[in-house]
Amino acid sequence: MVKGTITVNNKSGLHLRPASELAKIAGKLTSDITIIAGEKKVNPKSVLILMSAGITKGTTIDITCEGPNEEADLQVMLDAIAGGLGE
């Protein structure tokens, strides 16, 4: 298992549009992925579950990936969030 930490800098956090984009990206990856925001642990492959975490701008999140491509998958997730998820 690998873990990375990143701060969400999208203007409105992970609202519907960026959450949908992140869920689409995560859904293509083979690892078991968990996003941890405070006390909440969510599966980012589901847009509704991802939105339920209430991740706002400035929130620091941890991402864990476990699987045969875990390191590459973690980097994809970190790059997507750092890139603003289309915003």
C-alpha atoms as a PDB file:
ATOM      1  CA  MET A   1       0.000   0.000   0.000  1.00  0.00           C
ATOM      2  CA  VAL A   2       1.205   3.504  -0.837  1.00  0.00           C
ATOM      3  CA  LYS A   3      -0.025   6.802   0.533  1.00  0.00           C
ATOM      4  CA  GLY A   4       0.140  10.409  -0.629  1.00  0.00           C
ATOM      5  CA  THR A   5      -1.063  13.708   0.776  1.00  0.00           C
ATOM      6  CA  ILE A   6      -2.341  16.700  -1.188  1.00  0.00           C
ATOM      7  CA  THR A   7      -4.303  19.884  -0.557  1.00  0.00           C
ATOM      8  CA  VAL A   8      -7.374  20.489  -2.718  1.00  0.00           C
ATOM      9  CA  ASN A   9      -7.120  23.900  -4.353  1.00  0.00           C
ATOM     10  CA  ASN A  10     -10.211  23.919  -6.567  1.00  0.00           C
ATOM     11  CA  LYS A  11     -12.208  27.109  -5.992  1.00  0.00           C
ATOM     12  CA  SER A  12     -15.261  25.190  -4.796  1.00  0.00           C
ATOM     13  CA  GLY A  13     -13.545  22.025  -3.592  1.00  0.00           C
ATOM     14  CA  LEU A  14     -14.776  18.699  -4.894  1.00  0.00           C
ATOM     15  CA  HIS A  15     -18.263  19.732  -5.967  1.00  0.00           C
ATOM     16  CA  LEU A  16     -20.109  17.856  -8.728  1.00  0.00           C
ATOM     17  CA  ARG A  17     -17.949  18.636 -11.755  1.00  0.00           C
ATOM     18  CA  PRO A  18     -14.491  17.956 -10.288  1.00  0.00           C
ATOM     19  CA  ALA A  19     -15.822  15.040  -8.221  1.00  0.00           C
ATOM     20  CA  SER A  20     -17.229  13.502 -11.412  1.00  0.00           C
ATOM     21  CA  GLU A  21     -13.895  13.952 -13.169  1.00  0.00           C
ATOM     22  CA  LEU A  22     -11.979  12.396 -10.265  1.00  0.00           C
ATOM     23  CA  ALA A  23     -14.416   9.477 -10.060  1.00  0.00           C
ATOM     24  CA  LYS A  24     -14.004   8.877 -13.794  1.00  0.00           C
ATOM     25  CA  ILE A  25     -10.213   8.868 -13.443  1.00  0.00           C
ATOM     26  CA  ALA A  26     -10.268   6.632 -10.345  1.00  0.00           C
ATOM     27  CA  GLY A  27     -12.677   4.228 -12.044  1.00  0.00           C
ATOM     28  CA  LYS A  28     -10.102   3.496 -14.741  1.00  0.00           C
ATOM     29  CA  LEU A  29      -7.420   2.555 -12.215  1.00  0.00           C
ATOM     30  CA  THR A  30      -6.914  -0.997 -10.946  1.00  0.00           C
ATOM     31  CA  SER A  31      -5.923  -0.232  -7.352  1.00  0.00           C
ATOM     32  CA  ASP A  32      -8.211  -0.160  -4.348  1.00  0.00           C
ATOM     33  CA  ILE A  33      -8.221   3.565  -3.634  1.00  0.00           C
ATOM     34  CA  THR A  34      -9.323   5.397  -0.500  1.00  0.00           C
ATOM     35  CA  ILE A  35      -9.462   9.127   0.098  1.00  0.00           C
ATOM     36  CA  ILE A  36      -9.229  10.166   3.733  1.00  0.00           C
ATOM     37  CA  ALA A  37     -10.486  13.634   4.638  1.00  0.00           C
ATOM     38  CA  GLY A  38     -10.525  14.163   8.393  1.00  0.00           C
ATOM     39  CA  GLU A  39     -12.588  11.358   9.873  1.00  0.00           C
ATOM     40  CA  LYS A  40     -14.141  10.360   6.542  1.00  0.00           C
ATOM     41  CA  LYS A  41     -12.795   7.546   4.397  1.00  0.00           C
ATOM     42  CA  VAL A  42     -14.360   7.326   0.949  1.00  0.00           C
ATOM     43  CA  ASN A  43     -14.017   5.383  -2.272  1.00  0.00           C
ATOM     44  CA  PRO A  44     -13.350   7.940  -5.024  1.00  0.00           C
ATOM     45  CA  LYS A  45     -14.696   5.626  -7.724  1.00  0.00           C
ATOM     46  CA  SER A  46     -18.224   6.726  -6.740  1.00  0.00           C
ATOM     47  CA  VAL A  47     -19.050  10.375  -7.367  1.00  0.00           C
ATOM     48  CA  LEU A  48     -21.840  10.410  -4.766  1.00  0.00           C
ATOM     49  CA  ILE A  49     -19.693   8.870  -2.067  1.00  0.00           C
ATOM     50  CA  LEU A  50     -16.854  11.225  -2.982  1.00  0.00           C
ATOM     51  CA  MET A  51     -19.132  14.256  -2.691  1.00  0.00           C
ATOM     52  CA  SER A  52     -20.420  13.025   0.673  1.00  0.00           C
ATOM     53  CA  ALA A  53     -16.966  13.670   2.137  1.00  0.00           C
ATOM     54  CA  GLY A  54     -17.577  17.430   1.832  1.00  0.00           C
ATOM     55  CA  ILE A  55     -14.055  18.203   0.615  1.00  0.00           C
ATOM     56  CA  THR A  56     -13.690  21.970   0.276  1.00  0.00           C
ATOM     57  CA  LYS A  57     -10.909  24.219  -1.001  1.00  0.00           C
ATOM     58  CA  GLY A  58      -7.894  24.045   1.285  1.00  0.00           C
ATOM     59  CA  THR A  59      -8.735  20.588   2.642  1.00  0.00           C
ATOM     60  CA  THR A  60      -5.690  18.347   2.962  1.00  0.00           C
ATOM     61  CA  ILE A  61      -6.511  14.768   2.023  1.00  0.00           C
ATOM     62  CA  ASP A  62      -4.647  11.488   2.125  1.00  0.00           C
ATOM     63  CA  ILE A  63      -4.934   9.040  -0.740  1.00  0.00           C
ATOM     64  CA  THR A  64      -4.077   5.379  -0.331  1.00  0.00           C
ATOM     65  CA  CYS A  65      -3.735   2.900  -3.176  1.00  0.00           C
ATOM     66  CA  GLU A  66      -3.317  -0.836  -2.910  1.00  0.00           C
ATOM     67  CA  GLY A  67      -2.832  -3.151  -5.841  1.00  0.00           C
ATOM     68  CA  PRO A  68      -0.407  -4.227  -8.543  1.00  0.00           C
ATOM     69  CA  ASN A  69      -0.139  -0.684 -10.002  1.00  0.00           C
ATOM     70  CA  GLU A  70      -0.461   1.201  -6.720  1.00  0.00           C
ATOM     71  CA  GLU A  71       2.454   3.590  -7.192  1.00  0.00           C
ATOM     72  CA  ALA A  72       1.424   4.622 -10.708  1.00  0.00           C
ATOM     73  CA  ASP A  73      -2.243   4.875  -9.680  1.00  0.00           C
ATOM     74  CA  LEU A  74      -1.380   7.093  -6.717  1.00  0.00           C
ATOM     75  CA  GLN A  75       0.582   9.402  -8.998  1.00  0.00           C
ATOM     76  CA  VAL A  76      -2.350   9.611 -11.425  1.00  0.00           C
ATOM     77  CA  MET A  77      -4.665  10.631  -8.575  1.00  0.00           C
ATOM     78  CA  LEU A  78      -2.231  13.198  -7.171  1.00  0.00           C
ATOM     79  CA  ASP A  79      -1.588  14.679 -10.626  1.00  0.00           C
ATOM     80  CA  ALA A  80      -5.306  14.916 -11.364  1.00  0.00           C
ATOM     81  CA  ILE A  81      -6.034  16.791  -8.139  1.00  0.00           C
ATOM     82  CA  ALA A  82      -2.976  19.027  -8.512  1.00  0.00           C
ATOM     83  CA  GLY A  83      -4.103  19.802 -12.083  1.00  0.00           C
ATOM     84  CA  GLY A  84      -7.447  21.136 -10.886  1.00  0.00           C
ATOM     85  CA  LEU A  85      -9.665  18.414 -12.375  1.00  0.00           C
ATOM     86  CA  GLY A  86     -10.648  20.544 -15.352  1.00  0.00           C
ATOM     87  CA  GLU A  87     -11.372  23.751 -13.481  1.00  0.00           C
END
